[in-house]
Amino acid sequence: MIHTTDRVLVSDLREYVGRTVSVSGWVHTLRLLSKVQFVVVRDHTGMVQVTHQRGGAGDEIEAALQQLTAESAVRISGRVADNSIVKLHGLEVIPETVEVLNRAETPLPIDEYTGLEHRLDWRFLDVRRRPAAQLLFAVQTTLEQGMREYAYGQGCTEMHTPKLMGTASESGAEVFELGYFGRSAYLAQSPQFFKQMAVSAGIDKVFEIGPVFRAEPSFTSRHATEFTGVDVELAWIDGVEDVMAFEERMLAHAVAKVVDAHGEAIRDVCGVEVTVPATPFPRITMTAAQEILRAKGWDPQGVKEDLDPEGERGIGAHIKEHTGHDWVFITHYPTSIRPFYHMRPADNPRVTLSFDLLWKGLEVTTGAQREHRYDVLVQQAAEKDLRTEPMQDYLNIFRYGCPPHGGLGLGLGRVLMVLLGLDSIREATFLFRGPNRLTP
């Protein structure tokens, strides 16, 4: 008989029928009957039934299986046998040795009925026990790979910018302050200023996937205080349209990779049919979007400058109805609700050359063409009552030949939320961080 002592994954067992293999994983369920013991062992690729006929006194395998508990870590060597009665792929393992690597305490702190917040307290068990959670990280890996692949193909350089800053970035609001050798430092809200610095350093196209920190006391299903941002900055652009074209092609490429690798699993496990979006995505100005929404009864007082979540869902549904598309760029946001460094068109300084990207009514990206002219930037900062002294390092970027440029920031967790049909961003990340959660 051919033996293999190396670990064999459950998904590959069919190739080893009639051979002795070693399977490592967790005890999923136990049925310890009077004559026979059934143990279902689970690894990250699937589940297999281990079947042992009791031998009575002196049967070491019987004794080892008898002391198992759900979620114990085990290594079981045995013969792979065909058995058409077995529901799990018509296969079973007849054990020859049983090694209990770590016996799980009982009872387990969570089960399939446990609510989300308590599951998050035991996230390692939650992820281990649920195929949908396992799938999340496989999909995330493929999605990131697809975005990187596209960015590299476009000549992007991947950068790693600092997350500690000496001054609060952007508006100065919603930043975490921390002690830094007797003075204050701040966690970066965005790599915005640094990626612009990279562009001015002659690195034409910049790409980064990294942590972003927002000190927002928001308790919604789509906010987190620490999340993973996907940031891009492109130099020598002709306009903001170049940035939107880059993003839609990058996302279409990445989603296509996800569909190819995981489309079937997402359908089976999450009940979501992921489709590769056609490019270009629809575009609509903020003014036009608001007119459409107000005609349907949104913001009856006509006072909202920005789209609230209801408005985003409404315009997403409208675009879907009229174009069949799940994605839409909202463009030309008012100057009043955009940062000072967003460029304004010469013929209409009340708006910015900026956009948000919505997917199925959820905002997943903000982007813009940046103002690259020093004097205009200083003037726009003054209009927003911003002091230029703390921003001198940033403003210096624009004094010595900065090219026209623009970029975007995408929230990875939000994209995964929509992709997998999750109800909350708490489930779209490994360990969630929010105003009330710093553990585990």
Protein backbone atom coordinates (compact mmCIF):
# COMPACT_ATOMS: atom_id res chain seq x y z
CA MET A 1 0.00 0.00 0.00
CA ILE A 2 1.25 3.51 -0.84
CA HIS A 3 1.46 5.73 2.24
CA THR A 4 1.72 9.51 2.32
CA THR A 5 2.51 11.11 5.64
CA ASP A 6 2.46 14.66 4.29
CA ARG A 7 -0.73 16.56 4.98
CA VAL A 8 -3.40 16.15 2.30
CA LEU A 9 -6.11 18.79 2.00
CA VAL A 10 -9.71 17.60 2.20
CA SER A 11 -10.48 18.95 -1.29
CA ASP A 12 -7.77 16.63 -2.74
CA LEU A 13 -8.78 13.39 -0.98
CA ARG A 14 -10.58 11.94 -4.03
CA GLU A 15 -7.14 11.48 -5.65
CA TYR A 16 -6.00 9.28 -2.73
CA VAL A 17 -8.73 6.60 -2.60
CA GLY A 18 -7.22 3.34 -1.30
CA ARG A 19 -4.17 5.12 0.11
CA THR A 20 -3.21 6.11 3.64
CA VAL A 21 -3.02 9.88 4.15
CA SER A 22 -2.70 12.41 6.94
CA VAL A 23 -5.53 14.94 7.38
CA SER A 24 -5.20 17.96 9.70
CA GLY A 25 -8.07 20.17 10.77
CA TRP A 26 -10.77 20.87 13.31
CA VAL A 27 -13.49 18.61 14.64
CA HIS A 28 -16.68 19.89 13.06
CA THR A 29 -19.19 17.41 14.50
CA LEU A 30 -19.11 14.17 16.53
CA ARG A 31 -21.52 11.22 16.57
CA LEU A 32 -20.21 8.70 19.05
CA LEU A 33 -22.58 5.71 18.79
CA SER A 34 -22.38 2.41 20.67
CA LYS A 35 -20.74 0.45 17.84
CA VAL A 36 -19.24 3.13 15.61
CA GLN A 37 -17.72 6.60 15.97
CA PHE A 38 -18.26 9.27 13.31
CA VAL A 39 -16.14 12.44 13.38
CA VAL A 40 -16.38 15.12 10.69
CA VAL A 41 -13.04 16.92 10.28
CA ARG A 42 -12.89 20.31 8.59
CA ASP A 43 -9.97 22.16 7.05
CA HIS A 44 -10.07 25.38 5.02
CA THR A 45 -10.93 23.45 1.84
CA GLY A 46 -13.84 21.31 3.05
CA MET A 47 -15.03 18.50 5.35
CA VAL A 48 -14.50 14.74 5.51
CA GLN A 49 -16.07 11.99 7.60
CA VAL A 50 -13.81 9.82 9.74
CA THR A 51 -15.43 6.44 10.52
CA HIS A 52 -14.19 4.05 13.21
CA GLN A 53 -15.70 0.73 14.29
CA ARG A 54 -15.25 0.50 18.06
CA GLY A 55 -12.79 -2.18 19.17
CA GLY A 56 -13.52 -2.09 22.90
CA ALA A 57 -10.90 -2.25 25.67
CA GLY A 58 -7.42 -1.40 24.48
CA ASP A 59 -8.61 0.37 21.28
CA GLU A 60 -6.43 3.50 21.31
CA ILE A 61 -8.22 5.10 18.37
CA GLU A 62 -11.60 4.62 20.06
CA ALA A 63 -10.22 6.24 23.25
CA ALA A 64 -8.71 9.16 21.34
CA LEU A 65 -11.90 9.87 19.36
CA GLN A 66 -14.02 9.51 22.50
CA GLN A 67 -12.27 12.42 24.24
CA LEU A 68 -12.66 14.85 21.30
CA THR A 69 -14.74 18.03 21.47
CA ALA A 70 -16.08 20.30 18.71
CA GLU A 71 -13.33 22.55 17.27
CA SER A 72 -10.46 20.48 18.70
CA ALA A 73 -7.40 20.57 16.42
CA VAL A 74 -6.50 17.06 15.24
CA ARG A 75 -4.20 15.18 12.92
CA ILE A 76 -5.66 11.90 11.71
CA SER A 77 -3.88 9.38 9.50
CA GLY A 78 -5.95 6.74 7.79
CA ARG A 79 -7.08 5.05 4.60
CA VAL A 80 -9.28 6.98 2.17
CA ALA A 81 -12.26 4.82 1.19
CA ASP A 82 -15.10 5.16 -1.29
CA ASN A 83 -18.51 4.94 0.38
CA SER A 84 -21.52 6.06 -1.64
CA ILE A 85 -23.69 6.27 1.52
CA VAL A 86 -21.53 9.07 2.96
CA LYS A 87 -23.07 12.46 2.14
CA LEU A 88 -19.72 14.26 2.13
CA HIS A 89 -18.46 13.52 -1.40
CA GLY A 90 -18.98 9.76 -0.99
CA LEU A 91 -15.66 9.46 0.83
CA GLU A 92 -14.56 8.54 4.34
CA VAL A 93 -11.28 8.12 6.19
CA ILE A 94 -10.74 4.91 8.19
CA PRO A 95 -8.36 6.10 10.96
CA GLU A 96 -5.08 4.38 11.80
CA THR A 97 -3.67 7.03 14.15
CA VAL A 98 -5.38 9.95 15.91
CA GLU A 99 -3.37 12.84 17.31
CA VAL A 100 -5.18 15.44 19.43
CA LEU A 101 -3.10 18.59 18.84
CA ASN A 102 -5.22 20.95 20.93
CA ARG A 103 -8.44 19.90 22.63
CA ALA A 104 -11.07 22.65 22.51
CA GLU A 105 -12.80 23.68 25.72
CA THR A 106 -16.53 23.13 25.88
CA PRO A 107 -19.03 24.66 25.45
CA LEU A 108 -17.90 27.01 22.66
CA PRO A 109 -18.51 30.73 23.34
CA ILE A 110 -20.41 31.22 20.04
CA ASP A 111 -22.73 29.21 17.83
CA GLU A 112 -24.67 29.74 14.59
CA TYR A 113 -27.30 31.83 16.43
CA THR A 114 -24.85 34.28 18.02
CA GLY A 115 -25.33 37.96 17.12
CA LEU A 116 -22.71 39.94 15.21
CA GLU A 117 -21.24 41.95 18.11
CA HIS A 118 -20.60 38.86 20.24
CA ARG A 119 -19.23 37.01 17.21
CA LEU A 120 -16.74 39.86 16.76
CA ASP A 121 -15.54 39.25 20.35
CA TRP A 122 -14.56 35.75 19.20
CA ARG A 123 -13.60 36.64 15.65
CA PHE A 124 -11.03 33.85 15.22
CA LEU A 125 -13.71 31.24 15.96
CA ASP A 126 -16.28 33.12 13.89
CA VAL A 127 -14.03 33.15 10.81
CA ARG A 128 -12.91 29.56 11.30
CA ARG A 129 -16.45 28.18 11.57
CA ARG A 130 -18.21 30.09 8.77
CA PRO A 131 -17.53 29.43 5.06
CA ALA A 132 -18.80 32.95 4.21
CA ALA A 133 -16.12 34.50 6.45
CA GLN A 134 -13.42 32.24 5.00
CA LEU A 135 -14.52 33.24 1.51
CA LEU A 136 -14.24 36.95 2.35
CA PHE A 137 -10.47 36.78 2.71
CA ALA A 138 -9.98 34.67 -0.40
CA VAL A 139 -12.04 37.22 -2.36
CA GLN A 140 -10.17 40.14 -0.78
CA THR A 141 -6.84 38.61 -1.82
CA THR A 142 -8.00 38.15 -5.43
CA LEU A 143 -9.56 41.63 -5.56
CA GLU A 144 -6.35 43.28 -4.34
CA GLN A 145 -4.30 41.16 -6.72
CA GLY A 146 -6.51 42.32 -9.61
CA MET A 147 -6.20 46.00 -8.69
CA ARG A 148 -2.44 45.74 -8.27
CA GLU A 149 -2.14 43.85 -11.55
CA TYR A 150 -4.01 46.59 -13.40
CA ALA A 151 -2.04 49.38 -11.68
CA TYR A 152 1.31 47.72 -12.46
CA GLY A 153 0.21 47.25 -16.07
CA GLN A 154 -0.46 50.99 -16.26
CA GLY A 155 3.04 51.77 -15.02
CA CYS A 156 2.15 52.60 -11.41
CA THR A 157 4.79 52.58 -8.69
CA GLU A 158 3.62 51.10 -5.37
CA MET A 159 4.46 53.41 -2.46
CA HIS A 160 4.37 53.13 1.33
CA THR A 161 3.63 56.51 2.87
CA PRO A 162 3.91 57.42 6.59
CA LYS A 163 0.94 56.91 8.87
CA LEU A 164 2.38 59.28 11.51
CA MET A 165 2.08 62.98 10.73
CA GLY A 166 3.37 66.09 12.48
CA THR A 167 0.28 68.11 11.55
CA ALA A 168 -3.33 67.07 11.07
CA SER A 169 -3.91 66.27 7.40
CA GLU A 170 -6.56 67.80 5.18
CA SER A 171 -9.10 69.82 7.18
CA GLY A 172 -7.64 68.96 10.57
CA ALA A 173 -10.94 67.45 11.70
CA GLU A 174 -11.53 63.82 12.62
CA VAL A 175 -7.88 62.93 13.34
CA PHE A 176 -6.46 60.77 16.10
CA GLU A 177 -3.89 62.61 18.20
CA LEU A 178 -1.17 60.71 20.04
CA GLY A 179 1.82 61.51 22.19
CA TYR A 180 5.12 61.62 20.32
CA PHE A 181 8.25 62.22 22.41
CA GLY A 182 6.73 65.08 24.35
CA ARG A 183 4.74 66.57 21.48
CA SER A 184 1.68 65.65 19.42
CA ALA A 185 1.53 63.50 16.33
CA TYR A 186 -1.49 62.46 14.30
CA LEU A 187 -2.55 59.29 12.49
CA ALA A 188 -2.93 59.88 8.76
CA GLN A 189 -6.52 60.25 7.56
CA SER A 190 -5.31 59.55 4.05
CA PRO A 191 -2.03 59.33 2.12
CA GLN A 192 -3.33 62.29 0.10
CA PHE A 193 -0.53 64.80 0.67
CA PHE A 194 2.21 62.18 0.48
CA LYS A 195 1.06 60.69 -2.82
CA GLN A 196 0.88 64.21 -4.27
CA MET A 197 4.44 64.70 -3.03
CA ALA A 198 5.44 61.47 -4.83
CA VAL A 199 3.92 62.78 -8.08
CA SER A 200 5.86 66.01 -7.64
CA ALA A 201 8.95 63.86 -7.00
CA GLY A 202 8.70 62.62 -10.58
CA ILE A 203 6.97 59.29 -9.85
CA ASP A 204 4.33 59.56 -12.56
CA LYS A 205 1.71 57.12 -11.29
CA VAL A 206 1.43 56.24 -7.63
CA PHE A 207 -0.46 53.36 -6.01
CA GLU A 208 -0.86 52.37 -2.36
CA ILE A 209 -2.94 49.90 -0.34
CA GLY A 210 -2.65 50.71 3.35
CA PRO A 211 -4.33 51.66 6.61
CA VAL A 212 -6.36 54.86 6.94
CA PHE A 213 -7.55 56.35 10.24
CA ARG A 214 -10.69 58.45 10.77
CA ALA A 215 -11.68 59.73 14.21
CA GLU A 216 -15.36 59.89 13.28
CA PRO A 217 -17.83 58.94 16.04
CA SER A 218 -19.96 57.17 13.41
CA PHE A 219 -21.89 54.03 14.27
CA THR A 220 -23.28 53.26 10.80
CA SER A 221 -22.95 49.99 8.93
CA ARG A 222 -20.39 51.55 6.56
CA HIS A 223 -18.00 53.46 8.87
CA ALA A 224 -14.85 52.28 10.62
CA THR A 225 -12.16 54.21 12.52
CA GLU A 226 -9.40 52.20 10.82
CA PHE A 227 -9.81 50.75 7.37
CA THR A 228 -7.79 49.73 4.33
CA GLY A 229 -7.62 52.37 1.63
CA VAL A 230 -6.68 51.86 -2.02
CA ASP A 231 -5.10 55.10 -3.23
CA VAL A 232 -4.00 56.17 -6.68
CA GLU A 233 -2.45 59.42 -7.95
CA LEU A 234 -1.76 60.07 -11.64
CA ALA A 235 0.49 62.83 -13.03
CA TRP A 236 0.32 64.72 -16.33
CA ILE A 237 -3.43 64.17 -16.68
CA ASP A 238 -5.58 66.15 -19.13
CA GLY A 239 -8.48 66.26 -16.67
CA VAL A 240 -10.45 64.42 -14.00
CA GLU A 241 -11.87 62.13 -16.70
CA ASP A 242 -8.46 60.41 -16.88
CA VAL A 243 -8.78 59.46 -13.21
CA MET A 244 -12.32 58.08 -13.60
CA ALA A 245 -11.27 56.08 -16.67
CA PHE A 246 -8.36 54.57 -14.73
CA GLU A 247 -10.61 53.58 -11.84
CA GLU A 248 -13.42 52.00 -13.83
CA ARG A 249 -10.96 49.90 -15.84
CA MET A 250 -9.08 48.88 -12.69
CA LEU A 251 -12.30 47.80 -10.97
CA ALA A 252 -13.62 45.97 -14.03
CA HIS A 253 -10.31 44.08 -14.25
CA ALA A 254 -10.30 43.21 -10.54
CA VAL A 255 -13.96 42.16 -10.42
CA ALA A 256 -13.40 39.96 -13.49
CA LYS A 257 -10.63 38.15 -11.61
CA VAL A 258 -12.95 37.66 -8.61
CA VAL A 259 -15.74 36.30 -10.83
CA ASP A 260 -13.30 33.93 -12.50
CA ALA A 261 -11.81 32.62 -9.23
CA HIS A 262 -14.76 32.82 -6.82
CA GLY A 263 -17.96 33.60 -8.74
CA GLU A 264 -19.46 30.16 -8.15
CA ALA A 265 -18.52 30.11 -4.45
CA ILE A 266 -19.97 33.60 -3.90
CA ARG A 267 -23.22 32.48 -5.53
CA ASP A 268 -23.38 29.29 -3.43
CA VAL A 269 -22.28 30.72 -0.07
CA CYS A 270 -23.52 34.34 -0.19
CA GLY A 271 -26.36 34.11 -2.70
CA VAL A 272 -24.88 36.97 -4.73
CA GLU A 273 -24.39 36.92 -8.51
CA VAL A 274 -21.28 39.01 -9.20
CA THR A 275 -21.10 40.43 -12.71
CA VAL A 276 -18.19 42.12 -14.46
CA PRO A 277 -19.18 45.77 -15.02
CA ALA A 278 -19.16 47.19 -18.54
CA THR A 279 -17.02 50.27 -19.06
CA PRO A 280 -17.38 53.18 -19.18
CA PHE A 281 -19.52 53.56 -16.05
CA PRO A 282 -22.39 56.09 -16.23
CA ARG A 283 -21.55 59.65 -15.10
CA ILE A 284 -23.96 62.23 -13.73
CA THR A 285 -23.32 65.67 -12.24
CA MET A 286 -24.29 66.36 -8.64
CA THR A 287 -26.74 69.03 -9.82
CA ALA A 288 -28.48 66.62 -12.20
CA ALA A 289 -28.56 63.88 -9.53
CA GLN A 290 -30.17 66.24 -7.02
CA GLU A 291 -32.79 67.35 -9.58
CA ILE A 292 -33.74 63.72 -10.28
CA LEU A 293 -33.95 62.91 -6.56
CA ARG A 294 -35.94 66.03 -5.65
CA ALA A 295 -38.47 65.24 -8.37
CA LYS A 296 -39.04 61.99 -6.48
CA GLY A 297 -39.49 63.70 -3.10
CA TRP A 298 -35.94 63.62 -1.71
CA ASP A 299 -34.86 66.73 0.30
CA PRO A 300 -38.18 68.60 -0.15
CA GLN A 301 -36.70 71.78 1.43
CA GLY A 302 -33.93 71.80 -1.18
CA VAL A 303 -31.24 72.48 1.44
CA LYS A 304 -28.89 69.48 1.17
CA GLU A 305 -25.61 70.17 -0.63
CA ASP A 306 -24.41 66.58 -0.43
CA LEU A 307 -26.16 63.26 -1.02
CA ASP A 308 -27.11 61.44 2.17
CA PRO A 309 -27.23 57.61 2.17
CA GLU A 310 -30.90 57.72 1.09
CA GLY A 311 -29.96 59.99 -1.82
CA GLU A 312 -27.07 57.72 -2.83
CA ARG A 313 -29.36 54.69 -2.84
CA GLY A 314 -31.99 56.66 -4.78
CA ILE A 315 -29.64 57.77 -7.54
CA GLY A 316 -28.10 54.29 -7.69
CA ALA A 317 -31.59 52.80 -8.24
CA HIS A 318 -32.42 55.47 -10.86
CA ILE A 319 -29.22 54.75 -12.83
CA LYS A 320 -29.83 51.00 -12.60
CA GLU A 321 -33.39 51.44 -13.89
CA HIS A 322 -32.36 53.64 -16.83
CA THR A 323 -28.99 52.14 -17.82
CA GLY A 324 -28.91 48.67 -16.24
CA HIS A 325 -25.62 49.65 -14.56
CA ASP A 326 -24.81 49.10 -10.85
CA TRP A 327 -22.00 51.69 -10.83
CA VAL A 328 -22.23 55.47 -11.27
CA PHE A 329 -19.84 58.39 -10.96
CA ILE A 330 -21.39 61.49 -9.34
CA THR A 331 -19.31 64.47 -10.54
CA HIS A 332 -18.83 68.21 -9.93
CA TYR A 333 -19.43 68.38 -6.19
CA PRO A 334 -19.94 71.89 -4.75
CA THR A 335 -16.80 73.72 -3.61
CA SER A 336 -18.34 74.14 -0.14
CA ILE A 337 -18.23 70.39 0.64
CA ARG A 338 -14.91 69.53 -1.00
CA PRO A 339 -11.34 70.09 0.27
CA PHE A 340 -9.45 73.25 -0.70
CA TYR A 341 -7.03 71.30 -2.93
CA HIS A 342 -9.72 70.10 -5.38
CA MET A 343 -9.43 71.95 -8.68
CA ARG A 344 -12.32 74.17 -9.79
CA PRO A 345 -13.28 74.65 -13.43
CA ALA A 346 -12.46 78.17 -14.72
CA ASP A 347 -16.01 78.69 -16.01
CA ASN A 348 -17.75 77.60 -12.76
CA PRO A 349 -15.73 78.10 -9.56
CA ARG A 350 -18.72 77.05 -7.41
CA VAL A 351 -18.06 73.39 -8.22
CA THR A 352 -15.00 71.12 -8.17
CA LEU A 353 -13.53 68.71 -10.71
CA SER A 354 -14.27 65.87 -8.35
CA PHE A 355 -16.33 62.69 -8.13
CA ASP A 356 -17.67 59.97 -5.90
CA LEU A 357 -18.19 56.45 -7.21
CA LEU A 358 -21.31 54.61 -6.03
CA TRP A 359 -21.78 50.84 -6.33
CA LYS A 360 -25.38 49.70 -5.81
CA GLY A 361 -26.05 52.98 -4.03
CA LEU A 362 -23.06 52.86 -1.64
CA GLU A 363 -20.22 55.37 -1.95
CA VAL A 364 -16.98 53.41 -2.38
CA THR A 365 -14.59 56.07 -3.76
CA THR A 366 -13.85 59.77 -3.67
CA GLY A 367 -11.54 61.33 -6.26
CA ALA A 368 -10.65 64.57 -8.02
CA GLN A 369 -8.24 66.52 -10.13
CA ARG A 370 -5.98 68.40 -7.69
CA GLU A 371 -5.11 72.06 -7.88
CA HIS A 372 -1.41 72.10 -8.80
CA ARG A 373 -0.87 75.89 -9.02
CA TYR A 374 0.62 77.32 -5.84
CA ASP A 375 -1.06 80.73 -5.89
CA VAL A 376 -4.52 79.27 -6.61
CA LEU A 377 -4.06 76.70 -3.84
CA VAL A 378 -3.12 79.36 -1.28
CA GLN A 379 -6.13 81.44 -2.32
CA GLN A 380 -8.51 78.44 -2.02
CA ALA A 381 -7.11 77.60 1.42
CA ALA A 382 -7.73 81.19 2.53
CA GLU A 383 -11.33 81.01 1.29
CA LYS A 384 -11.86 78.03 3.59
CA ASP A 385 -10.21 79.91 6.52
CA LEU A 386 -7.32 77.44 6.67
CA ARG A 387 -3.99 78.56 8.12
CA THR A 388 -1.19 77.91 5.67
CA GLU A 389 1.65 77.78 8.25
CA PRO A 390 1.02 74.16 9.37
CA MET A 391 0.74 73.15 5.69
CA GLN A 392 4.01 74.65 4.49
CA ASP A 393 5.60 71.26 3.68
CA TYR A 394 2.55 70.43 1.58
CA LEU A 395 2.40 73.80 -0.15
CA ASN A 396 6.12 73.62 -1.00
CA ILE A 397 5.30 70.72 -3.35
CA PHE A 398 3.67 73.21 -5.71
CA ARG A 399 6.39 75.88 -5.79
CA TYR A 400 8.91 74.13 -8.04
CA GLY A 401 7.22 72.68 -11.09
CA CYS A 402 4.39 70.38 -10.01
CA PRO A 403 2.58 68.63 -12.91
CA PRO A 404 -1.21 68.54 -13.32
CA HIS A 405 -2.46 65.49 -11.43
CA GLY A 406 -5.45 63.77 -9.89
CA GLY A 407 -6.31 60.69 -7.94
CA LEU A 408 -8.73 58.66 -5.90
CA GLY A 409 -9.19 56.91 -2.58
CA LEU A 410 -11.25 53.71 -2.42
CA GLY A 411 -12.46 51.90 0.71
CA LEU A 412 -11.61 48.21 0.35
CA GLY A 413 -14.11 47.11 3.02
CA ARG A 414 -17.00 48.91 1.32
CA VAL A 415 -16.23 47.25 -2.01
CA LEU A 416 -16.15 43.84 -0.30
CA MET A 417 -19.44 44.65 1.47
CA VAL A 418 -21.25 45.17 -1.83
CA LEU A 419 -19.39 42.38 -3.61
CA LEU A 420 -20.50 39.76 -1.05
CA GLY A 421 -23.85 41.31 -0.09
CA LEU A 422 -22.80 41.89 3.54
CA ASP A 423 -24.98 44.02 5.83
CA SER A 424 -22.12 45.73 7.67
CA ILE A 425 -18.50 46.73 7.20
CA ARG A 426 -17.91 44.98 10.53
CA GLU A 427 -18.06 41.71 8.60
CA ALA A 428 -15.95 42.95 5.68
CA THR A 429 -12.73 43.17 7.67
CA PHE A 430 -10.76 40.75 9.82
CA LEU A 431 -10.75 42.74 13.07
CA PHE A 432 -13.11 45.72 13.03
CA ARG A 433 -12.20 49.01 14.68
CA GLY A 434 -14.95 51.47 15.58
CA PRO A 435 -15.71 54.05 18.29
CA ASN A 436 -16.72 51.25 20.71
CA ARG A 437 -14.34 48.54 19.59
CA LEU A 438 -10.58 48.27 20.12
CA THR A 439 -10.53 44.52 20.82
CA PRO A 440 -9.72 41.80 20.13
